PDB file of N, CA and C in Angstrom:
ATOM      1  N   UNK A   1     -77.159   4.144  12.864  1.00  0.00           N
ATOM      2  CA  UNK A   1     -77.904   5.248  12.977  1.00  0.00           C
ATOM      3  C   UNK A   1     -77.600   6.201  14.153  1.00  0.00           C
ATOM      4  N   UNK A   2     -77.243   5.440  15.187  1.00  0.00           N
ATOM      5  CA  UNK A   2     -76.892   6.282  16.446  1.00  0.00           C
ATOM      6  C   UNK A   2     -75.519   6.851  16.263  1.00  0.00           C
ATOM      7  N   UNK A   3     -74.557   6.254  15.558  1.00  0.00           N
ATOM      8  CA  UNK A   3     -73.273   6.800  15.256  1.00  0.00           C
ATOM      9  C   UNK A   3     -73.449   8.113  14.373  1.00  0.00           C
ATOM     10  N   UNK A   4     -74.238   7.899  13.413  1.00  0.00           N
ATOM     11  CA  UNK A   4     -74.547   9.091  12.557  1.00  0.00           C
ATOM     12  C   UNK A   4     -75.112  10.304  13.420  1.00  0.00           C
ATOM     13  N   UNK A   5     -76.102   9.952  14.231  1.00  0.00           N
ATOM     14  CA  UNK A   5     -76.621  10.925  14.972  1.00  0.00           C
ATOM     15  C   UNK A   5     -75.583  11.645  16.116  1.00  0.00           C
ATOM     16  N   UNK A   6     -74.700  10.860  16.486  1.00  0.00           N
ATOM     17  CA  UNK A   6     -73.675  11.480  17.538  1.00  0.00           C
ATOM     18  C   UNK A   6     -72.824  12.365  16.706  1.00  0.00           C
ATOM     19  N   UNK A   7     -72.346  11.872  15.437  1.00  0.00           N
ATOM     20  CA  UNK A   7     -71.579  12.722  14.679  1.00  0.00           C
ATOM     21  C   UNK A   7     -72.255  14.172  14.503  1.00  0.00           C
ATOM     22  N   UNK A   8     -73.413  14.096  14.063  1.00  0.00           N
ATOM     23  CA  UNK A   8     -74.295  15.297  13.807  1.00  0.00           C
ATOM     24  C   UNK A   8     -74.369  16.164  15.197  1.00  0.00           C
ATOM     25  N   UNK A   9     -74.733  15.567  16.212  1.00  0.00           N
ATOM     26  CA  UNK A   9     -74.621  16.330  17.460  1.00  0.00           C
ATOM     27  C   UNK A   9     -73.314  17.042  17.847  1.00  0.00           C
ATOM     28  N   UNK A  10     -72.183  16.243  17.325  1.00  0.00           N
ATOM     29  CA  UNK A  10     -70.735  16.820  17.706  1.00  0.00           C
ATOM     30  C   UNK A  10     -70.636  18.070  16.853  1.00  0.00           C
ATOM     31  N   UNK A  11     -71.154  17.971  15.484  1.00  0.00           N
ATOM     32  CA  UNK A  11     -70.915  19.109  14.557  1.00  0.00           C
ATOM     33  C   UNK A  11     -71.785  20.151  14.981  1.00  0.00           C
ATOM     34  N   UNK A  12     -73.096  19.899  15.556  1.00  0.00           N
ATOM     35  CA  UNK A  12     -73.677  21.044  16.052  1.00  0.00           C
ATOM     36  C   UNK A  12     -73.029  21.659  17.418  1.00  0.00           C
ATOM     37  N   UNK A  13     -72.463  20.871  18.145  1.00  0.00           N
ATOM     38  CA  UNK A  13     -71.914  21.548  19.427  1.00  0.00           C
ATOM     39  C   UNK A  13     -70.815  22.352  18.896  1.00  0.00           C
ATOM     40  N   UNK A  14     -70.051  21.978  17.913  1.00  0.00           N
ATOM     41  CA  UNK A  14     -68.717  22.801  17.358  1.00  0.00           C
ATOM     42  C   UNK A  14     -69.436  24.103  16.866  1.00  0.00           C
ATOM     43  N   UNK A  15     -70.407  24.056  16.046  1.00  0.00           N
ATOM     44  CA  UNK A  15     -71.070  25.152  15.749  1.00  0.00           C
ATOM     45  C   UNK A  15     -71.463  26.229  16.584  1.00  0.00           C
ATOM     46  N   UNK A  16     -72.155  25.665  17.843  1.00  0.00           N
ATOM     47  CA  UNK A  16     -72.619  26.444  18.839  1.00  0.00           C
ATOM     48  C   UNK A  16     -71.411  27.180  19.705  1.00  0.00           C
ATOM     49  N   UNK A  17     -70.383  26.460  19.788  1.00  0.00           N
ATOM     50  CA  UNK A  17     -69.151  26.767  20.422  1.00  0.00           C
ATOM     51  C   UNK A  17     -68.610  28.014  19.671  1.00  0.00           C
ATOM     52  N   UNK A  18     -68.478  27.905  18.268  1.00  0.00           N
ATOM     53  CA  UNK A  18     -68.092  28.839  17.502  1.00  0.00           C
ATOM     54  C   UNK A  18     -68.747  30.204  17.544  1.00  0.00           C
ATOM     55  N   UNK A  19     -70.197  30.023  17.546  1.00  0.00           N
ATOM     56  CA  UNK A  19     -71.110  31.156  17.665  1.00  0.00           C
ATOM     57  C   UNK A  19     -70.951  31.855  18.981  1.00  0.00           C
ATOM     58  N   UNK A  20     -70.734  31.302  20.057  1.00  0.00           N
ATOM     59  CA  UNK A  20     -70.489  31.630  21.366  1.00  0.00           C
ATOM     60  C   UNK A  20     -69.229  32.479  21.485  1.00  0.00           C
ATOM     61  N   UNK A  21     -68.184  31.749  20.762  1.00  0.00           N
ATOM     62  CA  UNK A  21     -66.736  32.615  20.816  1.00  0.00           C
ATOM     63  C   UNK A  21     -66.966  33.882  20.050  1.00  0.00           C
ATOM     64  N   UNK A  22     -67.624  34.001  18.897  1.00  0.00           N
ATOM     65  CA  UNK A  22     -67.883  35.198  18.039  1.00  0.00           C
ATOM     66  C   UNK A  22     -68.585  36.111  18.881  1.00  0.00           C
ATOM     67  N   UNK A  23     -69.730  35.670  19.683  1.00  0.00           N
ATOM     68  CA  UNK A  23     -70.469  36.604  20.515  1.00  0.00           C
ATOM     69  C   UNK A  23     -69.610  37.172  21.651  1.00  0.00           C
ATOM     70  N   UNK A  24     -68.751  36.445  22.260  1.00  0.00           N
ATOM     71  CA  UNK A  24     -68.131  36.903  23.496  1.00  0.00           C
ATOM     72  C   UNK A  24     -66.930  37.795  23.091  1.00  0.00           C
ATOM     73  N   UNK A  25     -66.344  37.704  21.891  1.00  0.00           N
ATOM     74  CA  UNK A  25     -65.167  38.405  21.527  1.00  0.00           C
ATOM     75  C   UNK A  25     -65.743  39.854  21.160  1.00  0.00           C
ATOM     76  N   UNK A  26     -64.889  40.696  21.715  1.00  0.00           N
ATOM     77  CA  UNK A  26     -65.472  42.173  21.550  1.00  0.00           C
ATOM     78  C   UNK A  26     -64.253  42.945  20.886  1.00  0.00           C
ATOM     79  N   UNK A  27     -64.661  44.103  20.368  1.00  0.00           N
ATOM     80  CA  UNK A  27     -63.654  44.936  19.761  1.00  0.00           C
ATOM     81  C   UNK A  27     -62.907  45.692  20.875  1.00  0.00           C
ATOM     82  N   UNK A  28     -61.755  45.908  20.654  1.00  0.00           N
ATOM     83  CA  UNK A  28     -60.808  46.637  21.563  1.00  0.00           C
ATOM     84  C   UNK A  28     -61.280  47.873  21.940  1.00  0.00           C
ATOM     85  N   UNK A  29     -61.676  48.273  23.126  1.00  0.00           N
ATOM     86  CA  UNK A  29     -62.430  49.632  23.537  1.00  0.00           C
ATOM     87  C   UNK A  29     -61.444  50.704  23.201  1.00  0.00           C
ATOM     88  N   UNK A  30     -60.231  50.650  23.342  1.00  0.00           N
ATOM     89  CA  UNK A  30     -59.232  51.760  22.853  1.00  0.00           C
ATOM     90  C   UNK A  30     -59.506  52.164  21.284  1.00  0.00           C
ATOM     91  N   UNK A  31     -59.875  51.055  20.537  1.00  0.00           N
ATOM     92  CA  UNK A  31     -59.904  51.371  19.000  1.00  0.00           C
ATOM     93  C   UNK A  31     -61.160  52.202  18.801  1.00  0.00           C
ATOM     94  N   UNK A  32     -62.397  52.075  19.839  1.00  0.00           N
ATOM     95  CA  UNK A  32     -63.219  53.039  19.597  1.00  0.00           C
ATOM     96  C   UNK A  32     -62.965  54.478  19.902  1.00  0.00           C
ATOM     97  N   UNK A  33     -62.223  54.696  20.983  1.00  0.00           N
ATOM     98  CA  UNK A  33     -61.832  55.860  21.343  1.00  0.00           C
ATOM     99  C   UNK A  33     -60.866  56.542  20.283  1.00  0.00           C
ATOM    100  N   UNK A  34     -59.926  55.693  19.666  1.00  0.00           N
ATOM    101  CA  UNK A  34     -59.121  56.224  18.611  1.00  0.00           C
ATOM    102  C   UNK A  34     -59.991  56.520  17.332  1.00  0.00           C
ATOM    103  N   UNK A  35     -60.880  55.878  17.067  1.00  0.00           N
ATOM    104  CA  UNK A  35     -61.830  56.024  16.026  1.00  0.00           C
ATOM    105  C   UNK A  35     -62.547  57.413  16.068  1.00  0.00           C
ATOM    106  N   UNK A  36     -63.236  57.575  17.541  1.00  0.00           N
ATOM    107  CA  UNK A  36     -63.890  58.698  17.714  1.00  0.00           C
ATOM    108  C   UNK A  36     -63.142  59.853  17.712  1.00  0.00           C
ATOM    109  N   UNK A  37     -61.860  59.914  18.290  1.00  0.00           N
ATOM    110  CA  UNK A  37     -61.092  61.198  18.229  1.00  0.00           C
ATOM    111  C   UNK A  37     -60.340  61.498  16.892  1.00  0.00           C
ATOM    112  N   UNK A  38     -60.276  60.363  16.043  1.00  0.00           N
ATOM    113  CA  UNK A  38     -59.849  60.819  14.666  1.00  0.00           C
ATOM    114  C   UNK A  38     -61.079  61.530  13.972  1.00  0.00           C
ATOM    115  N   UNK A  39     -62.318  60.913  14.078  1.00  0.00           N
ATOM    116  CA  UNK A  39     -63.333  61.448  13.545  1.00  0.00           C
ATOM    117  C   UNK A  39     -63.676  62.965  13.807  1.00  0.00           C
ATOM    118  N   UNK A  40     -63.379  63.279  15.244  1.00  0.00           N
ATOM    119  CA  UNK A  40     -63.538  64.565  15.788  1.00  0.00           C
ATOM    120  C   UNK A  40     -62.354  65.514  15.100  1.00  0.00           C
ATOM    121  N   UNK A  41     -61.322  65.045  15.167  1.00  0.00           N
ATOM    122  CA  UNK A  41     -60.068  65.725  14.462  1.00  0.00           C
ATOM    123  C   UNK A  41     -60.305  66.138  13.098  1.00  0.00           C
ATOM    124  N   UNK A  42     -60.805  65.125  12.196  1.00  0.00           N
ATOM    125  CA  UNK A  42     -60.959  65.493  10.872  1.00  0.00           C
ATOM    126  C   UNK A  42     -62.152  66.297  10.720  1.00  0.00           C
ATOM    127  N   UNK A  43     -63.105  66.234  11.416  1.00  0.00           N
ATOM    128  CA  UNK A  43     -64.317  67.215  11.112  1.00  0.00           C
ATOM    129  C   UNK A  43     -63.927  68.475  11.657  1.00  0.00           C
ATOM    130  N   UNK A  44     -63.193  68.531  12.738  1.00  0.00           N
ATOM    131  CA  UNK A  44     -62.923  69.837  13.182  1.00  0.00           C
ATOM    132  C   UNK A  44     -62.061  70.593  12.205  1.00  0.00           C
ATOM    133  N   UNK A  45     -61.055  69.884  11.698  1.00  0.00           N
ATOM    134  CA  UNK A  45     -60.080  70.411  10.759  1.00  0.00           C
ATOM    135  C   UNK A  45     -60.998  70.937   9.517  1.00  0.00           C
ATOM    136  N   UNK A  46     -61.875  70.049   9.092  1.00  0.00           N
ATOM    137  CA  UNK A  46     -62.658  70.600   7.860  1.00  0.00           C
ATOM    138  C   UNK A  46     -63.498  71.625   8.269  1.00  0.00           C
ATOM    139  N   UNK A  47     -63.901  71.853   9.441  1.00  0.00           N
ATOM    140  CA  UNK A  47     -64.955  72.873   9.860  1.00  0.00           C
ATOM    141  C   UNK A  47     -64.145  74.300   9.738  1.00  0.00           C
ATOM    142  N   UNK A  48     -62.960  74.347  10.248  1.00  0.00           N
ATOM    143  CA  UNK A  48     -62.107  75.481  10.368  1.00  0.00           C
ATOM    144  C   UNK A  48     -61.310  75.671   9.117  1.00  0.00           C
ATOM    145  N   UNK A  49     -61.493  74.898   8.111  1.00  0.00           N
ATOM    146  CA  UNK A  49     -60.774  75.041   6.801  1.00  0.00           C
ATOM    147  C   UNK A  49     -61.547  76.008   5.919  1.00  0.00           C
ATOM    148  N   UNK A  50     -60.971  77.092   5.352  1.00  0.00           N
ATOM    149  CA  UNK A  50     -61.663  78.005   4.601  1.00  0.00           C
ATOM    150  C   UNK A  50     -61.806  77.318   3.065  1.00  0.00           C
ATOM    151  N   UNK A  51     -63.106  77.265   2.694  1.00  0.00           N
ATOM    152  CA  UNK A  51     -63.388  76.736   1.420  1.00  0.00           C
ATOM    153  C   UNK A  51     -64.014  77.894   0.649  1.00  0.00           C
ATOM    154  N   UNK A  52     -63.571  78.146  -0.791  1.00  0.00           N
ATOM    155  CA  UNK A  52     -64.008  79.230  -1.459  1.00  0.00           C
ATOM    156  C   UNK A  52     -65.569  79.232  -1.759  1.00  0.00           C
ATOM    157  N   UNK A  53     -65.942  78.202  -2.513  1.00  0.00           N
ATOM    158  CA  UNK A  53     -67.360  78.051  -2.736  1.00  0.00           C
ATOM    159  C   UNK A  53     -68.125  77.569  -1.546  1.00  0.00           C
ATOM    160  N   UNK A  54     -69.007  78.408  -0.900  1.00  0.00           N
ATOM    161  CA  UNK A  54     -69.480  77.936   0.320  1.00  0.00           C
ATOM    162  C   UNK A  54     -70.312  76.724   0.290  1.00  0.00           C
ATOM    163  N   UNK A  55     -71.235  76.585  -0.608  1.00  0.00           N
ATOM    164  CA  UNK A  55     -72.138  75.566  -0.757  1.00  0.00           C
ATOM    165  C   UNK A  55     -71.441  74.210  -1.208  1.00  0.00           C
ATOM    166  N   UNK A  56     -70.271  74.334  -1.924  1.00  0.00           N
ATOM    167  CA  UNK A  56     -69.584  73.246  -2.091  1.00  0.00           C
ATOM    168  C   UNK A  56     -68.670  72.641  -1.001  1.00  0.00           C
ATOM    169  N   UNK A  57     -68.234  73.528  -0.059  1.00  0.00           N
ATOM    170  CA  UNK A  57     -67.742  73.377   1.187  1.00  0.00           C
ATOM    171  C   UNK A  57     -68.689  72.584   2.139  1.00  0.00           C
ATOM    172  N   UNK A  58     -69.817  73.108   2.111  1.00  0.00           N
ATOM    173  CA  UNK A  58     -70.874  72.478   2.923  1.00  0.00           C
ATOM    174  C   UNK A  58     -71.147  71.229   2.563  1.00  0.00           C
ATOM    175  N   UNK A  59     -71.267  70.772   1.334  1.00  0.00           N
ATOM    176  CA  UNK A  59     -71.524  69.667   0.623  1.00  0.00           C
ATOM    177  C   UNK A  59     -70.346  68.687   1.002  1.00  0.00           C
ATOM    178  N   UNK A  60     -68.901  69.019   0.774  1.00  0.00           N
ATOM    179  CA  UNK A  60     -67.917  68.380   1.156  1.00  0.00           C
ATOM    180  C   UNK A  60     -67.892  67.846   2.589  1.00  0.00           C
ATOM    181  N   UNK A  61     -68.140  68.830   3.505  1.00  0.00           N
ATOM    182  CA  UNK A  61     -68.009  68.634   4.850  1.00  0.00           C
ATOM    183  C   UNK A  61     -69.382  67.584   5.129  1.00  0.00           C
ATOM    184  N   UNK A  62     -70.435  67.790   4.729  1.00  0.00           N
ATOM    185  CA  UNK A  62     -71.407  66.970   5.007  1.00  0.00           C
ATOM    186  C   UNK A  62     -71.203  65.546   4.518  1.00  0.00           C
ATOM    187  N   UNK A  63     -70.691  65.355   3.415  1.00  0.00           N
ATOM    188  CA  UNK A  63     -70.432  63.916   2.912  1.00  0.00           C
ATOM    189  C   UNK A  63     -69.279  63.233   3.572  1.00  0.00           C
ATOM    190  N   UNK A  64     -68.398  63.952   4.060  1.00  0.00           N
ATOM    191  CA  UNK A  64     -67.140  63.358   4.773  1.00  0.00           C
ATOM    192  C   UNK A  64     -67.656  62.990   6.169  1.00  0.00           C
ATOM    193  N   UNK A  65     -68.537  64.007   6.656  1.00  0.00           N
ATOM    194  CA  UNK A  65     -69.118  63.568   8.101  1.00  0.00           C
ATOM    195  C   UNK A  65     -70.054  62.339   8.127  1.00  0.00           C
ATOM    196  N   UNK A  66     -70.924  62.327   7.015  1.00  0.00           N
ATOM    197  CA  UNK A  66     -71.749  61.154   6.750  1.00  0.00           C
ATOM    198  C   UNK A  66     -71.097  59.935   6.655  1.00  0.00           C
ATOM    199  N   UNK A  67     -69.816  59.858   5.987  1.00  0.00           N
ATOM    200  CA  UNK A  67     -69.130  58.587   5.612  1.00  0.00           C
ATOM    201  C   UNK A  67     -68.368  58.195   6.849  1.00  0.00           C
ATOM    202  N   UNK A  68     -67.721  59.091   7.498  1.00  0.00           N
ATOM    203  CA  UNK A  68     -66.942  58.708   8.845  1.00  0.00           C
ATOM    204  C   UNK A  68     -67.995  58.332   9.914  1.00  0.00           C
ATOM    205  N   UNK A  69     -69.191  58.987  10.278  1.00  0.00           N
ATOM    206  CA  UNK A  69     -70.048  58.560  11.123  1.00  0.00           C
ATOM    207  C   UNK A  69     -70.666  57.190  10.889  1.00  0.00           C
ATOM    208  N   UNK A  70     -71.065  57.010   9.609  1.00  0.00           N
ATOM    209  CA  UNK A  70     -71.571  55.610   9.188  1.00  0.00           C
ATOM    210  C   UNK A  70     -70.567  54.563   9.355  1.00  0.00           C
ATOM    211  N   UNK A  71     -69.229  54.723   9.154  1.00  0.00           N
ATOM    212  CA  UNK A  71     -68.346  53.771   9.435  1.00  0.00           C
ATOM    213  C   UNK A  71     -68.105  53.421  10.905  1.00  0.00           C
ATOM    214  N   UNK A  72     -68.291  54.501  11.756  1.00  0.00           N
ATOM    215  CA  UNK A  72     -68.248  54.276  13.120  1.00  0.00           C
ATOM    216  C   UNK A  72     -69.505  53.540  13.505  1.00  0.00           C
ATOM    217  N   UNK A  73     -70.573  53.737  12.981  1.00  0.00           N
ATOM    218  CA  UNK A  73     -71.710  52.883  13.455  1.00  0.00           C
ATOM    219  C   UNK A  73     -71.712  51.494  12.889  1.00  0.00           C
ATOM    220  N   UNK A  74     -70.924  51.232  11.736  1.00  0.00           N
ATOM    221  CA  UNK A  74     -70.814  49.971  11.318  1.00  0.00           C
ATOM    222  C   UNK A  74     -69.844  49.133  11.993  1.00  0.00           C
ATOM    223  N   UNK A  75     -68.858  49.816  12.619  1.00  0.00           N
ATOM    224  CA  UNK A  75     -67.842  49.138  13.450  1.00  0.00           C
ATOM    225  C   UNK A  75     -68.700  48.685  14.762  1.00  0.00           C
ATOM    226  N   UNK A  76     -69.409  49.524  15.429  1.00  0.00           N
ATOM    227  CA  UNK A  76     -70.039  49.252  16.544  1.00  0.00           C
ATOM    228  C   UNK A  76     -71.231  47.958  16.211  1.00  0.00           C
ATOM    229  N   UNK A  77     -71.687  48.118  15.176  1.00  0.00           N
ATOM    230  CA  UNK A  77     -72.741  46.979  14.714  1.00  0.00           C
ATOM    231  C   UNK A  77     -71.919  45.719  14.483  1.00  0.00           C
ATOM    232  N   UNK A  78     -70.787  45.636  13.967  1.00  0.00           N
ATOM    233  CA  UNK A  78     -70.015  44.369  13.455  1.00  0.00           C
ATOM    234  C   UNK A  78     -69.375  43.917  14.778  1.00  0.00           C
ATOM    235  N   UNK A  79     -69.183  44.723  16.039  1.00  0.00           N
ATOM    236  CA  UNK A  79     -68.643  44.160  17.083  1.00  0.00           C
ATOM    237  C   UNK A  79     -69.686  43.075  17.861  1.00  0.00           C
ATOM    238  N   UNK A  80     -70.879  43.230  17.563  1.00  0.00           N
ATOM    239  CA  UNK A  80     -71.790  42.307  18.194  1.00  0.00           C
ATOM    240  C   UNK A  80     -72.670  41.857  16.992  1.00  0.00           C
ATOM    241  N   UNK A  81     -72.295  40.948  16.115  1.00  0.00           N
ATOM    242  CA  UNK A  81     -73.188  40.605  14.809  1.00  0.00           C
ATOM    243  C   UNK A  81     -74.345  39.936  15.184  1.00  0.00           C
ATOM    244  N   UNK A  82     -74.588  39.315  16.350  1.00  0.00           N
ATOM    245  CA  UNK A  82     -75.651  38.548  16.698  1.00  0.00           C
ATOM    246  C   UNK A  82     -76.720  39.235  17.785  1.00  0.00           C
ATOM    247  N   UNK A  83     -76.487  40.373  17.701  1.00  0.00           N
ATOM    248  CA  UNK A  83     -77.445  41.233  18.664  1.00  0.00           C
ATOM    249  C   UNK A  83     -78.639  41.711  17.722  1.00  0.00           C
ATOM    250  N   UNK A  84     -79.828  41.570  18.384  1.00  0.00           N
ATOM    251  CA  UNK A  84     -81.012  41.807  17.796  1.00  0.00           C
ATOM    252  C   UNK A  84     -81.880  42.353  18.783  1.00  0.00           C
ATOM    253  N   UNK A  85     -82.888  43.332  18.205  1.00  0.00           N
ATOM    254  CA  UNK A  85     -83.783  44.150  19.060  1.00  0.00           C
ATOM    255  C   UNK A  85     -83.629  45.568  18.883  1.00  0.00           C
ATOM    256  N   UNK A  86     -84.010  46.365  19.779  1.00  0.00           N
ATOM    257  CA  UNK A  86     -84.107  47.789  19.762  1.00  0.00           C
ATOM    258  C   UNK A  86     -82.531  48.406  19.653  1.00  0.00           C
ATOM    259  N   UNK A  87     -81.665  47.692  20.184  1.00  0.00           N
ATOM    260  CA  UNK A  87     -80.064  48.244  20.299  1.00  0.00           C
ATOM    261  C   UNK A  87     -79.405  47.955  19.114  1.00  0.00           C
ATOM    262  N   UNK A  88     -80.018  47.041  18.330  1.00  0.00           N
ATOM    263  CA  UNK A  88     -79.182  46.741  16.963  1.00  0.00           C
ATOM    264  C   UNK A  88     -79.344  47.552  15.954  1.00  0.00           C
ATOM    265  N   UNK A  89     -78.464  47.802  15.015  1.00  0.00           N
ATOM    266  CA  UNK A  89     -78.574  48.653  13.819  1.00  0.00           C
ATOM    267  C   UNK A  89     -79.043  48.042  12.716  1.00  0.00           C
ATOM    268  N   UNK A  90     -79.177  46.681  12.641  1.00  0.00           N
ATOM    269  CA  UNK A  90     -79.949  46.019  11.545  1.00  0.00           C
ATOM    270  C   UNK A  90     -81.370  46.014  11.544  1.00  0.00           C
ATOM    271  N   UNK A  91     -81.718  45.862  10.415  1.00  0.00           N
ATOM    272  CA  UNK A  91     -83.389  45.808  10.113  1.00  0.00           C
ATOM    273  C   UNK A  91     -84.040  44.581  10.194  1.00  0.00           C
ATOM    274  N   UNK A  92     -83.062  43.542  10.435  1.00  0.00           N
ATOM    275  CA  UNK A  92     -83.863  42.105  10.558  1.00  0.00           C
ATOM    276  C   UNK A  92     -84.242  41.967  11.987  1.00  0.00           C
ATOM    277  N   UNK A  93     -85.509  41.814  12.170  1.00  0.00           N
ATOM    278  CA  UNK A  93     -86.093  41.371  13.593  1.00  0.00           C
ATOM    279  C   UNK A  93     -86.645  39.936  13.523  1.00  0.00           C
ATOM    280  N   UNK A  94     -86.322  39.110  14.675  1.00  0.00           N
ATOM    281  CA  UNK A  94     -86.744  37.784  14.640  1.00  0.00           C
ATOM    282  C   UNK A  94     -87.779  37.721  15.610  1.00  0.00           C
TER     283      UNK A  94
END
């Protein structure tokens, strides 16, 4: 019984160590800057591009902006998957 309990404690220790490594690993800060600069470049190019049907151009610009900004928010949220509270983007509160 004691041997089995020690084995279970060892597996729990391994899981805790894995979670700590995942929590401490951060995304490269330069990648955030590259992502933000590319989003700004794409949106500024789209903003100054002449599109004939005005409303279709606004719809295209809005949809592209929505997708790019939501991907940036997803990257920031995935950088710290165990964060909870008012700073997290997830809806699950413990």
